Every structure is written in C-alpha cells, then in structure tokens.
N, C-alpha and C. Protein backbone atom coordinates (compact mmCIF):
# COMPACT_ATOMS: atom_id res chain seq x y z
N MET A 1 50.08 -127.53 -11.41
CA MET A 1 49.69 -126.03 -11.80
C MET A 1 48.45 -125.61 -11.07
N LYS A 2 47.55 -126.50 -11.01
CA LYS A 2 46.28 -126.02 -10.37
C LYS A 2 46.46 -125.83 -8.80
N ASN A 3 47.25 -126.54 -8.19
CA ASN A 3 47.45 -126.35 -6.83
C ASN A 3 48.24 -124.99 -6.46
N ILE A 4 49.18 -124.66 -7.36
CA ILE A 4 49.81 -123.52 -7.17
C ILE A 4 48.83 -122.21 -7.33
N ASN A 5 47.94 -122.35 -8.27
CA ASN A 5 46.95 -121.26 -8.52
C ASN A 5 46.03 -121.16 -7.34
N LYS A 6 45.63 -122.28 -6.76
CA LYS A 6 44.73 -122.28 -5.58
C LYS A 6 45.47 -121.80 -4.39
N ILE A 7 46.73 -122.09 -4.19
CA ILE A 7 47.52 -121.54 -3.08
C ILE A 7 47.65 -120.15 -3.32
N PHE A 8 47.96 -119.68 -4.50
CA PHE A 8 48.25 -118.19 -4.65
C PHE A 8 46.99 -117.47 -4.49
N LEU A 9 45.77 -118.00 -5.04
CA LEU A 9 44.56 -117.22 -4.78
C LEU A 9 44.09 -117.34 -3.29
N SER A 10 44.30 -118.31 -2.54
CA SER A 10 43.98 -118.31 -1.26
C SER A 10 44.80 -117.33 -0.42
N PHE A 11 46.22 -117.24 -0.80
CA PHE A 11 46.89 -116.31 -0.10
C PHE A 11 46.61 -114.89 -0.42
N ALA A 12 46.36 -114.60 -1.66
CA ALA A 12 45.85 -113.24 -1.99
C ALA A 12 44.52 -112.83 -1.40
N PHE A 13 43.54 -113.72 -1.34
CA PHE A 13 42.39 -113.34 -0.58
C PHE A 13 42.57 -113.18 0.92
N PHE A 14 43.43 -113.95 1.50
CA PHE A 14 43.73 -113.91 2.76
C PHE A 14 44.41 -112.48 3.07
N CYS A 15 45.31 -112.16 2.27
CA CYS A 15 45.82 -110.76 2.46
C CYS A 15 44.94 -109.55 2.26
N VAL A 16 44.05 -109.73 1.40
CA VAL A 16 43.09 -108.63 1.05
C VAL A 16 42.03 -108.60 2.21
N GLY A 17 41.58 -109.82 2.66
CA GLY A 17 40.82 -109.91 3.90
C GLY A 17 41.46 -109.28 5.12
N ALA A 18 42.74 -109.65 5.27
CA ALA A 18 43.41 -109.01 6.49
C ALA A 18 43.59 -107.49 6.39
N LEU A 19 43.82 -106.98 5.26
CA LEU A 19 43.92 -105.56 4.91
C LEU A 19 42.65 -104.93 5.31
N PHE A 20 41.45 -105.51 4.87
CA PHE A 20 40.15 -104.82 5.28
C PHE A 20 39.74 -104.98 6.67
N PHE A 21 40.25 -106.14 7.27
CA PHE A 21 40.08 -106.18 8.69
C PHE A 21 40.83 -105.10 9.58
N LEU A 22 42.13 -104.96 9.17
CA LEU A 22 42.92 -103.85 9.83
C LEU A 22 42.45 -102.46 9.61
N VAL A 23 41.94 -102.28 8.41
CA VAL A 23 41.28 -100.87 8.12
C VAL A 23 40.04 -100.82 8.87
N LYS A 24 39.19 -101.67 8.99
CA LYS A 24 37.89 -101.78 9.70
C LYS A 24 38.21 -101.50 11.19
N ARG A 25 39.38 -102.11 11.77
CA ARG A 25 39.52 -101.83 13.21
C ARG A 25 40.31 -100.56 13.43
N LYS A 26 40.66 -99.79 12.35
CA LYS A 26 41.40 -98.68 12.35
C LYS A 26 42.94 -98.87 12.98
N TRP A 27 43.36 -100.19 12.75
CA TRP A 27 44.72 -100.41 13.11
C TRP A 27 45.70 -100.04 11.92
N LEU A 28 45.11 -99.87 10.86
CA LEU A 28 45.78 -99.56 9.59
C LEU A 28 45.11 -98.41 8.91
N ILE A 29 45.77 -97.33 8.77
CA ILE A 29 45.08 -96.01 8.19
C ILE A 29 45.46 -95.85 6.68
N VAL A 30 44.61 -95.91 5.82
CA VAL A 30 45.01 -95.70 4.50
C VAL A 30 44.60 -94.46 3.92
N ARG A 31 45.53 -93.80 3.32
CA ARG A 31 45.12 -92.58 2.77
C ARG A 31 44.66 -92.65 1.27
N TRP A 32 43.21 -92.58 1.15
CA TRP A 32 42.62 -92.95 0.06
C TRP A 32 42.70 -91.73 -1.05
N VAL A 33 42.59 -90.55 -0.62
CA VAL A 33 42.71 -89.33 -1.51
C VAL A 33 44.10 -88.86 -1.53
N PRO A 34 44.77 -88.83 -2.64
CA PRO A 34 46.19 -88.37 -2.69
C PRO A 34 46.24 -86.82 -2.42
N GLY A 35 45.40 -86.07 -2.78
CA GLY A 35 45.40 -84.54 -2.63
C GLY A 35 44.71 -84.01 -1.42
N TYR A 36 44.37 -85.02 -0.45
CA TYR A 36 43.67 -84.53 0.77
C TYR A 36 44.52 -83.70 1.52
N LYS A 37 43.84 -82.52 1.98
CA LYS A 37 44.31 -81.51 2.83
C LYS A 37 43.52 -81.31 4.09
N ARG A 38 43.96 -80.83 5.23
CA ARG A 38 43.22 -80.52 6.37
C ARG A 38 42.11 -79.49 6.09
N SER A 39 42.40 -78.49 5.16
CA SER A 39 41.45 -77.45 4.87
C SER A 39 40.11 -77.96 4.16
N ASP A 40 40.18 -79.13 3.64
CA ASP A 40 38.97 -79.81 3.05
C ASP A 40 38.10 -80.44 3.98
N SER A 41 38.49 -80.62 5.33
CA SER A 41 37.72 -81.48 6.21
C SER A 41 36.43 -80.53 6.59
N VAL A 42 35.46 -81.27 7.13
CA VAL A 42 34.11 -80.51 7.42
C VAL A 42 34.47 -79.79 8.77
N SER A 43 35.21 -80.17 9.71
CA SER A 43 35.58 -79.65 11.01
C SER A 43 36.33 -78.27 10.77
N TYR A 44 37.18 -78.12 9.82
CA TYR A 44 37.76 -77.07 9.43
C TYR A 44 36.78 -75.95 8.95
N LEU A 45 36.01 -76.37 8.01
CA LEU A 45 34.88 -75.44 7.53
C LEU A 45 34.05 -74.90 8.50
N LEU A 46 33.62 -75.77 9.56
CA LEU A 46 32.81 -75.28 10.58
C LEU A 46 33.47 -74.28 11.44
N LYS A 47 34.66 -74.64 11.77
CA LYS A 47 35.52 -73.59 12.53
C LYS A 47 35.65 -72.33 11.89
N LYS A 48 35.81 -72.33 10.61
CA LYS A 48 35.88 -71.10 9.78
C LYS A 48 34.45 -70.34 9.75
N ARG A 49 33.40 -70.94 9.74
CA ARG A 49 32.10 -70.40 9.85
C ARG A 49 31.69 -69.72 11.20
N ILE A 50 32.12 -70.35 12.15
CA ILE A 50 31.80 -70.00 13.65
C ILE A 50 32.72 -68.96 14.16
N SER A 51 32.20 -67.96 14.66
CA SER A 51 33.08 -66.96 15.46
C SER A 51 33.01 -67.25 16.90
N PRO A 52 33.78 -66.63 17.69
CA PRO A 52 33.85 -66.73 19.12
C PRO A 52 32.50 -66.35 19.75
N LYS A 53 32.35 -66.56 20.98
CA LYS A 53 31.14 -66.05 21.71
C LYS A 53 31.07 -64.54 21.73
N ARG A 54 29.87 -64.07 21.58
CA ARG A 54 29.72 -62.55 21.47
C ARG A 54 28.41 -62.15 22.46
N LYS A 55 28.60 -61.16 23.23
CA LYS A 55 27.56 -60.67 24.03
C LYS A 55 26.67 -59.68 23.30
N VAL A 56 25.34 -59.95 23.45
CA VAL A 56 24.32 -59.16 22.93
C VAL A 56 23.33 -58.65 23.96
N ASN A 57 22.96 -57.55 23.97
CA ASN A 57 21.96 -56.94 24.98
C ASN A 57 20.54 -56.93 24.27
N PHE A 58 19.74 -57.58 25.15
CA PHE A 58 18.20 -57.60 24.71
C PHE A 58 17.56 -56.34 25.31
N TYR A 59 16.90 -55.53 24.63
CA TYR A 59 16.32 -54.25 25.13
C TYR A 59 14.86 -54.64 25.06
N PHE A 60 14.25 -54.24 26.08
CA PHE A 60 12.73 -54.23 26.10
C PHE A 60 12.16 -53.27 27.22
N TRP A 61 10.82 -53.02 26.94
CA TRP A 61 10.14 -52.01 28.03
C TRP A 61 9.36 -52.96 28.85
N LYS A 62 9.54 -52.60 30.21
CA LYS A 62 8.62 -53.23 31.32
C LYS A 62 8.36 -52.35 32.33
N ASN A 63 7.17 -52.09 32.74
CA ASN A 63 6.65 -51.24 33.76
C ASN A 63 7.32 -49.76 33.37
N ASP A 64 7.00 -49.31 32.17
CA ASP A 64 7.48 -48.00 31.71
C ASP A 64 8.93 -47.69 31.85
N ASP A 65 9.68 -48.71 31.82
CA ASP A 65 11.12 -48.48 31.90
C ASP A 65 11.91 -49.27 30.91
N LEU A 66 12.79 -48.84 30.19
CA LEU A 66 13.60 -49.38 29.24
C LEU A 66 14.60 -50.18 29.93
N LYS A 67 14.67 -51.68 29.75
CA LYS A 67 15.45 -52.45 30.59
C LYS A 67 16.38 -53.23 29.43
N ASN A 68 17.46 -53.80 29.93
CA ASN A 68 18.25 -54.69 28.97
C ASN A 68 18.83 -55.89 29.78
N GLU A 69 18.89 -56.93 28.98
CA GLU A 69 19.43 -58.18 29.44
C GLU A 69 20.47 -58.69 28.58
N GLU A 70 21.68 -59.07 29.15
CA GLU A 70 22.72 -59.45 28.43
C GLU A 70 22.76 -60.95 28.19
N SER A 71 22.94 -61.28 26.90
CA SER A 71 23.07 -62.91 26.57
C SER A 71 24.25 -63.09 25.73
N SER A 72 24.77 -64.29 25.64
CA SER A 72 25.94 -64.58 24.90
C SER A 72 25.53 -65.65 23.82
N PHE A 73 26.08 -65.47 22.63
CA PHE A 73 25.84 -66.20 21.54
C PHE A 73 27.07 -66.52 20.80
N VAL A 74 26.97 -67.69 20.12
CA VAL A 74 28.10 -68.17 19.20
C VAL A 74 27.59 -67.76 17.94
N LEU A 75 28.15 -66.85 17.24
CA LEU A 75 27.61 -66.43 15.90
C LEU A 75 28.16 -67.08 14.73
N LEU A 76 27.49 -67.02 13.65
CA LEU A 76 27.95 -67.73 12.45
C LEU A 76 28.40 -66.57 11.52
N SER A 77 29.02 -66.96 10.34
CA SER A 77 29.51 -65.88 9.43
C SER A 77 28.43 -65.22 8.65
N SER A 78 27.24 -65.77 8.58
CA SER A 78 26.15 -65.13 7.83
C SER A 78 25.43 -64.09 8.81
N LYS A 79 25.29 -62.97 8.09
CA LYS A 79 24.63 -61.83 8.97
C LYS A 79 23.18 -62.21 9.05
N ALA A 80 22.53 -62.71 8.00
CA ALA A 80 21.08 -63.10 8.04
C ALA A 80 20.84 -64.15 9.04
N GLU A 81 21.70 -65.17 9.20
CA GLU A 81 21.59 -66.20 10.12
C GLU A 81 21.69 -65.62 11.54
N ASN A 82 22.64 -64.82 11.76
CA ASN A 82 22.97 -64.18 13.14
C ASN A 82 21.55 -63.35 13.49
N LEU A 83 21.07 -62.43 12.63
CA LEU A 83 19.98 -61.76 12.94
C LEU A 83 18.67 -62.74 13.23
N LYS A 84 18.60 -63.82 12.56
CA LYS A 84 17.52 -64.73 12.78
C LYS A 84 17.60 -65.42 14.19
N LEU A 85 18.92 -65.67 14.51
CA LEU A 85 19.19 -66.07 15.86
C LEU A 85 18.87 -65.26 16.98
N ILE A 86 19.34 -64.09 16.81
CA ILE A 86 19.14 -63.01 17.98
C ILE A 86 17.66 -62.66 17.95
N VAL A 87 17.02 -62.49 17.00
CA VAL A 87 15.53 -62.06 16.97
C VAL A 87 14.75 -63.14 17.57
N GLY A 88 15.08 -64.37 17.26
CA GLY A 88 14.33 -65.52 17.70
C GLY A 88 14.52 -65.69 19.22
N ASN A 89 15.77 -65.53 19.77
CA ASN A 89 15.87 -65.47 21.08
C ASN A 89 15.34 -64.28 21.87
N TRP A 90 15.30 -63.21 21.18
CA TRP A 90 14.67 -62.06 21.84
C TRP A 90 13.33 -62.28 22.03
N LEU A 91 12.69 -62.78 20.92
CA LEU A 91 11.10 -63.10 20.96
C LEU A 91 10.79 -64.16 22.16
N SER A 92 11.59 -65.16 22.20
CA SER A 92 11.58 -66.22 23.24
C SER A 92 11.65 -65.55 24.59
N PHE A 93 12.76 -64.67 24.79
CA PHE A 93 12.86 -63.96 25.95
C PHE A 93 11.64 -63.16 26.32
N LEU A 94 11.05 -62.38 25.50
CA LEU A 94 10.00 -61.58 25.69
C LEU A 94 8.78 -62.51 26.16
N TYR A 95 8.52 -63.60 25.48
CA TYR A 95 7.48 -64.47 25.80
C TYR A 95 7.70 -65.00 27.28
N GLU A 96 8.88 -65.44 27.70
CA GLU A 96 9.29 -65.91 29.11
C GLU A 96 8.98 -64.80 30.15
N GLU A 97 9.26 -63.55 29.72
CA GLU A 97 9.04 -62.39 30.54
C GLU A 97 7.59 -62.00 30.67
N ARG A 98 6.64 -62.57 29.89
CA ARG A 98 5.27 -62.32 29.76
C ARG A 98 5.07 -60.92 29.19
N ILE A 99 5.92 -60.36 28.36
CA ILE A 99 5.63 -59.20 27.65
C ILE A 99 4.80 -59.46 26.47
N LEU A 100 5.11 -60.59 25.74
CA LEU A 100 4.39 -61.07 24.57
C LEU A 100 3.30 -62.12 25.21
N ASP A 101 2.09 -62.02 24.78
CA ASP A 101 1.13 -62.89 25.24
C ASP A 101 1.07 -64.26 24.54
N LYS A 102 1.56 -64.27 23.28
CA LYS A 102 1.52 -65.38 22.47
C LYS A 102 3.00 -65.72 22.05
N LYS A 103 3.36 -67.18 21.64
CA LYS A 103 4.62 -67.42 21.32
C LYS A 103 4.66 -67.05 19.75
N VAL A 104 5.65 -66.14 19.48
CA VAL A 104 5.96 -65.70 18.10
C VAL A 104 7.30 -66.22 17.72
N GLY A 105 7.26 -66.67 16.49
CA GLY A 105 8.58 -67.11 15.99
C GLY A 105 8.96 -66.37 14.61
N ILE A 106 10.19 -66.56 14.38
CA ILE A 106 10.63 -65.83 13.19
C ILE A 106 11.00 -66.89 12.11
N GLU A 107 10.30 -66.67 11.05
CA GLU A 107 10.45 -67.69 9.93
C GLU A 107 11.70 -67.56 9.14
N SER A 108 12.05 -66.29 8.73
CA SER A 108 13.24 -66.02 8.00
C SER A 108 13.63 -64.59 8.02
N VAL A 109 15.00 -64.25 7.65
CA VAL A 109 15.53 -63.10 7.75
C VAL A 109 16.30 -62.93 6.30
N ALA A 110 16.00 -61.97 5.64
CA ALA A 110 16.67 -61.67 4.37
C ALA A 110 17.26 -60.20 4.60
N LEU A 111 18.28 -60.12 3.82
CA LEU A 111 19.07 -58.64 3.78
C LEU A 111 19.06 -58.24 2.37
N SER A 112 19.10 -56.91 2.26
CA SER A 112 19.03 -56.32 0.83
C SER A 112 20.42 -56.57 0.36
N VAL A 113 20.51 -56.09 -0.97
CA VAL A 113 21.83 -56.25 -1.53
C VAL A 113 22.92 -55.59 -0.89
N CYS A 114 22.73 -54.43 -0.48
CA CYS A 114 23.66 -53.65 0.28
C CYS A 114 23.88 -53.98 1.72
N GLY A 115 23.02 -54.79 2.22
CA GLY A 115 23.04 -55.20 3.63
C GLY A 115 22.45 -54.33 4.67
N GLN A 116 21.95 -53.18 4.24
CA GLN A 116 21.38 -52.21 5.25
C GLN A 116 20.09 -52.42 5.56
N ILE A 117 19.16 -53.12 4.75
CA ILE A 117 17.80 -53.36 5.16
C ILE A 117 17.72 -54.76 5.55
N ALA A 118 17.10 -55.13 6.62
CA ALA A 118 16.70 -56.49 6.93
C ALA A 118 15.18 -56.77 6.88
N TYR A 119 14.84 -57.82 6.11
CA TYR A 119 13.44 -58.17 6.10
C TYR A 119 13.17 -59.34 7.07
N LEU A 120 12.38 -58.99 8.10
CA LEU A 120 12.07 -59.98 9.20
C LEU A 120 10.79 -60.45 8.97
N SER A 121 10.58 -61.82 8.75
CA SER A 121 9.37 -62.42 8.53
C SER A 121 8.98 -63.35 9.75
N PHE A 122 7.84 -62.97 10.23
CA PHE A 122 7.33 -63.74 11.55
C PHE A 122 6.18 -64.69 11.18
N ASP A 123 6.00 -65.76 11.94
CA ASP A 123 5.01 -66.67 11.71
C ASP A 123 3.64 -66.18 12.21
N LYS A 124 3.51 -65.24 13.11
CA LYS A 124 2.29 -64.69 13.57
C LYS A 124 2.47 -62.98 13.62
N ASN A 125 1.38 -62.39 13.74
CA ASN A 125 1.57 -61.04 14.05
C ASN A 125 2.32 -60.66 15.29
N LEU A 126 3.27 -59.91 15.25
CA LEU A 126 4.12 -59.59 16.44
C LEU A 126 3.32 -58.74 17.44
N LEU A 127 2.46 -58.04 16.99
CA LEU A 127 1.79 -57.00 17.83
C LEU A 127 0.39 -57.54 18.08
N GLY A 128 -0.19 -57.21 19.23
CA GLY A 128 -1.46 -57.58 19.57
C GLY A 128 -2.48 -56.53 19.08
N ARG A 129 -3.78 -56.98 18.57
CA ARG A 129 -4.58 -56.04 18.04
C ARG A 129 -5.29 -55.00 19.10
N GLU A 130 -5.25 -55.49 20.23
CA GLU A 130 -5.88 -54.67 21.31
C GLU A 130 -4.80 -53.70 22.01
N TRP A 131 -3.48 -54.00 21.62
CA TRP A 131 -2.49 -53.08 22.25
C TRP A 131 -2.54 -51.63 21.87
N SER A 132 -2.04 -50.85 22.83
CA SER A 132 -2.11 -49.40 22.50
C SER A 132 -0.94 -49.12 21.60
N ILE A 133 -0.95 -47.93 20.98
CA ILE A 133 0.07 -47.52 20.04
C ILE A 133 1.41 -47.41 20.68
N GLU A 134 1.23 -46.92 21.99
CA GLU A 134 2.55 -46.86 22.83
C GLU A 134 3.19 -48.11 23.09
N LYS A 135 2.45 -49.17 23.40
CA LYS A 135 2.91 -50.49 23.69
C LYS A 135 3.55 -51.05 22.38
N LYS A 136 2.86 -50.88 21.24
CA LYS A 136 3.47 -51.36 19.97
C LYS A 136 4.77 -50.69 19.68
N TRP A 137 4.77 -49.33 19.87
CA TRP A 137 6.03 -48.53 19.51
C TRP A 137 7.13 -49.10 20.42
N ARG A 138 6.88 -49.29 21.73
CA ARG A 138 7.85 -49.63 22.67
C ARG A 138 8.47 -51.26 22.26
N LEU A 139 7.53 -52.01 21.76
CA LEU A 139 8.05 -53.37 21.41
C LEU A 139 8.99 -53.25 20.22
N LEU A 140 8.56 -52.50 19.25
CA LEU A 140 9.49 -52.25 18.05
C LEU A 140 10.67 -51.46 18.41
N ASP A 141 10.69 -50.59 19.28
CA ASP A 141 11.77 -49.88 19.89
C ASP A 141 12.87 -50.80 20.43
N GLY A 142 12.45 -51.66 21.26
CA GLY A 142 13.25 -52.64 21.93
C GLY A 142 14.01 -53.54 20.91
N LEU A 143 13.18 -54.03 19.82
CA LEU A 143 13.72 -54.75 18.88
C LEU A 143 14.76 -54.04 18.11
N SER A 144 14.46 -52.81 17.60
CA SER A 144 15.49 -52.03 16.94
C SER A 144 16.75 -51.72 17.62
N LYS A 145 16.51 -51.44 18.96
CA LYS A 145 17.71 -51.18 19.86
C LYS A 145 18.58 -52.43 20.07
N THR A 146 17.98 -53.62 20.28
CA THR A 146 18.59 -54.90 20.27
C THR A 146 19.46 -55.20 18.90
N ILE A 147 18.82 -54.87 17.83
CA ILE A 147 19.59 -55.10 16.61
C ILE A 147 20.73 -54.04 16.42
N ASP A 148 20.37 -52.98 16.89
CA ASP A 148 21.47 -51.94 16.68
C ASP A 148 22.58 -52.07 17.57
N SER A 149 22.48 -52.56 18.84
CA SER A 149 23.44 -52.96 19.68
C SER A 149 24.25 -54.18 19.26
N SER A 150 23.66 -54.91 18.33
CA SER A 150 24.46 -56.16 17.93
C SER A 150 25.55 -55.73 16.79
N ASN A 151 25.55 -54.57 16.29
CA ASN A 151 26.52 -54.06 15.42
C ASN A 151 26.62 -54.89 14.15
N PHE A 152 25.47 -55.06 13.51
CA PHE A 152 25.45 -55.90 12.10
C PHE A 152 25.36 -54.98 11.01
N GLY A 153 25.33 -53.64 11.28
CA GLY A 153 25.51 -52.75 10.11
C GLY A 153 23.95 -52.48 9.44
N VAL A 154 22.95 -52.99 9.99
CA VAL A 154 21.57 -52.90 9.46
C VAL A 154 21.05 -51.54 9.95
N SER A 155 20.59 -50.73 9.04
CA SER A 155 20.02 -49.39 9.38
C SER A 155 18.46 -49.22 9.33
N LYS A 156 17.86 -50.31 8.59
CA LYS A 156 16.30 -50.18 8.42
C LYS A 156 15.79 -51.67 8.58
N LEU A 157 14.58 -51.77 9.11
CA LEU A 157 13.86 -53.03 9.18
C LEU A 157 12.59 -52.98 8.52
N LEU A 158 12.23 -54.19 7.86
CA LEU A 158 10.89 -54.33 7.32
C LEU A 158 10.34 -55.53 7.87
N PHE A 159 9.09 -55.27 8.41
CA PHE A 159 8.48 -56.35 9.22
C PHE A 159 7.32 -56.96 8.37
N LEU A 160 7.44 -58.36 8.31
CA LEU A 160 6.66 -59.16 7.38
C LEU A 160 5.82 -60.26 8.40
N LYS A 161 4.80 -60.75 7.77
CA LYS A 161 4.08 -61.77 8.41
C LYS A 161 3.77 -62.79 7.36
N GLY A 162 4.45 -63.92 7.45
CA GLY A 162 4.29 -64.87 6.36
C GLY A 162 4.87 -64.39 5.04
N HIS A 163 5.80 -63.77 4.92
CA HIS A 163 6.60 -63.08 3.84
C HIS A 163 5.65 -62.11 3.16
N GLN A 164 4.67 -61.53 3.70
CA GLN A 164 3.83 -60.48 3.28
C GLN A 164 3.95 -59.36 4.27
N PRO A 165 3.76 -58.06 3.85
CA PRO A 165 3.97 -56.87 4.79
C PRO A 165 2.88 -57.09 6.05
N MET A 166 3.40 -56.95 7.10
CA MET A 166 2.56 -56.99 8.38
C MET A 166 1.46 -55.85 8.30
N THR A 167 0.39 -56.28 8.84
CA THR A 167 -0.76 -55.31 8.78
C THR A 167 -1.00 -54.97 10.23
N ASP A 168 -1.37 -53.67 10.45
CA ASP A 168 -1.80 -53.15 11.81
C ASP A 168 -2.82 -52.05 11.60
N ASP A 169 -3.64 -51.77 12.41
CA ASP A 169 -4.64 -50.69 12.39
C ASP A 169 -3.93 -49.34 12.71
N HIS A 170 -2.81 -49.35 13.42
CA HIS A 170 -2.23 -48.08 13.97
C HIS A 170 -0.87 -47.82 13.16
N LEU A 171 -0.25 -48.79 12.82
CA LEU A 171 1.14 -48.45 12.30
C LEU A 171 1.25 -49.00 10.80
N ASP A 172 2.17 -48.34 10.00
CA ASP A 172 2.35 -48.53 8.64
C ASP A 172 3.69 -49.50 8.53
N PHE A 173 3.61 -50.60 8.16
CA PHE A 173 4.69 -51.63 7.83
C PHE A 173 5.03 -51.66 6.48
N TYR A 174 4.58 -50.77 5.65
CA TYR A 174 4.92 -50.86 4.21
C TYR A 174 6.30 -50.08 4.01
N GLN A 175 6.56 -49.28 4.92
CA GLN A 175 7.86 -48.45 4.94
C GLN A 175 8.79 -49.01 5.89
N PRO A 176 10.15 -48.97 5.42
CA PRO A 176 11.03 -49.48 6.54
C PRO A 176 11.23 -48.67 7.84
N TRP A 177 11.50 -49.46 8.85
CA TRP A 177 11.68 -48.68 10.14
C TRP A 177 13.03 -48.57 10.37
N VAL A 178 13.45 -47.33 10.81
CA VAL A 178 14.80 -46.91 11.18
C VAL A 178 15.28 -47.69 12.45
N VAL A 179 16.46 -48.28 12.38
CA VAL A 179 17.08 -49.04 13.52
C VAL A 179 17.80 -47.94 14.42
N GLY A 180 17.62 -48.22 15.68
CA GLY A 180 18.19 -47.28 16.76
C GLY A 180 17.50 -46.47 17.58
C-alpha cells in the first residue's frame, strides 16, 4: 500500500510540475478568472482614454508680429491634463525661441466646476519684472489665443505661482483673464 501511495504522489507532483512548466513557457494558457472580458484589460482602458492626434496652434508675439506654430498632440480624455500638456509645451517652445529668458514650468491645471475657468499654476513667475506692460500683455495674449484655438471650452484663465495668485507690479492677477 505504501508503494502505491508513493507512486501516486510522485505522479501527481510530476503532473503539477509539468502544468506549471507549460504555463510558465506559455505553451498552455489557463484562464484563471472566469468572468474576464477584454474591456477589463489595461490596454482597452488606455485606448479609451487616448484620442487621436490633434493639431494645436501655438500663438506668440515676436518682432512686433503675432505668429503661430502648428504642433500635433495625442490628447487624453481629461481637459485639465490636456491643458497642462499644451501649456507646458507652449512654454518650452517659447523658451526655445528665446522669448522667455528662463525655463518656466507648469505645476498643475485645475478647472472650475462648470469647466469655464482654468487655474494655471506655474513654478516660477511667468513674466519678467523688467518687462514692459506691452510685452507682458503680448505673452498672455499668445497664451490665451493658444488655449482658445485648442477648443477646450475654457473662457477665463487665472494665473497662479505656486498655487497662489501671481503678483506683478503692472497687472492684476486676482481677477480671471478672458480667453481669446
């Protein structure tokens, strides 16, 4: 009787080991979850969040002339994430074009409940202290035109530095700025 138990256990362990080997080598695919659907997979959820490529115009003032540069983006389903992506790339573009003297990044973007007001929080002051009022207005005009051309439905912007209202000697950032 003891030999039969040893043979049976050896055969059982051999079969279990062979199954694990086949599963590990992906020669045998085992469906572990009985209610698994394709819609539950991560790749399906990512495809659902990502929209096709969309072209966005970057507006900026250079040599007393309003110019635009077209750029393509793969946008996500969140309006705030898309605004952060576009504004961050717009800031990098202005730094590369030497319109901005220092590298400025965007920390976060929040939207009001109705989605009409965007709160843009920067890591540094967007405007230089020695800049003229006209240069400051033009920079903010380029940003508002860029956001307006993106068609996100945002009608006003509030500019923040470190999640506090941005301060400037010439411009008031406590009131929202109209987009467009």
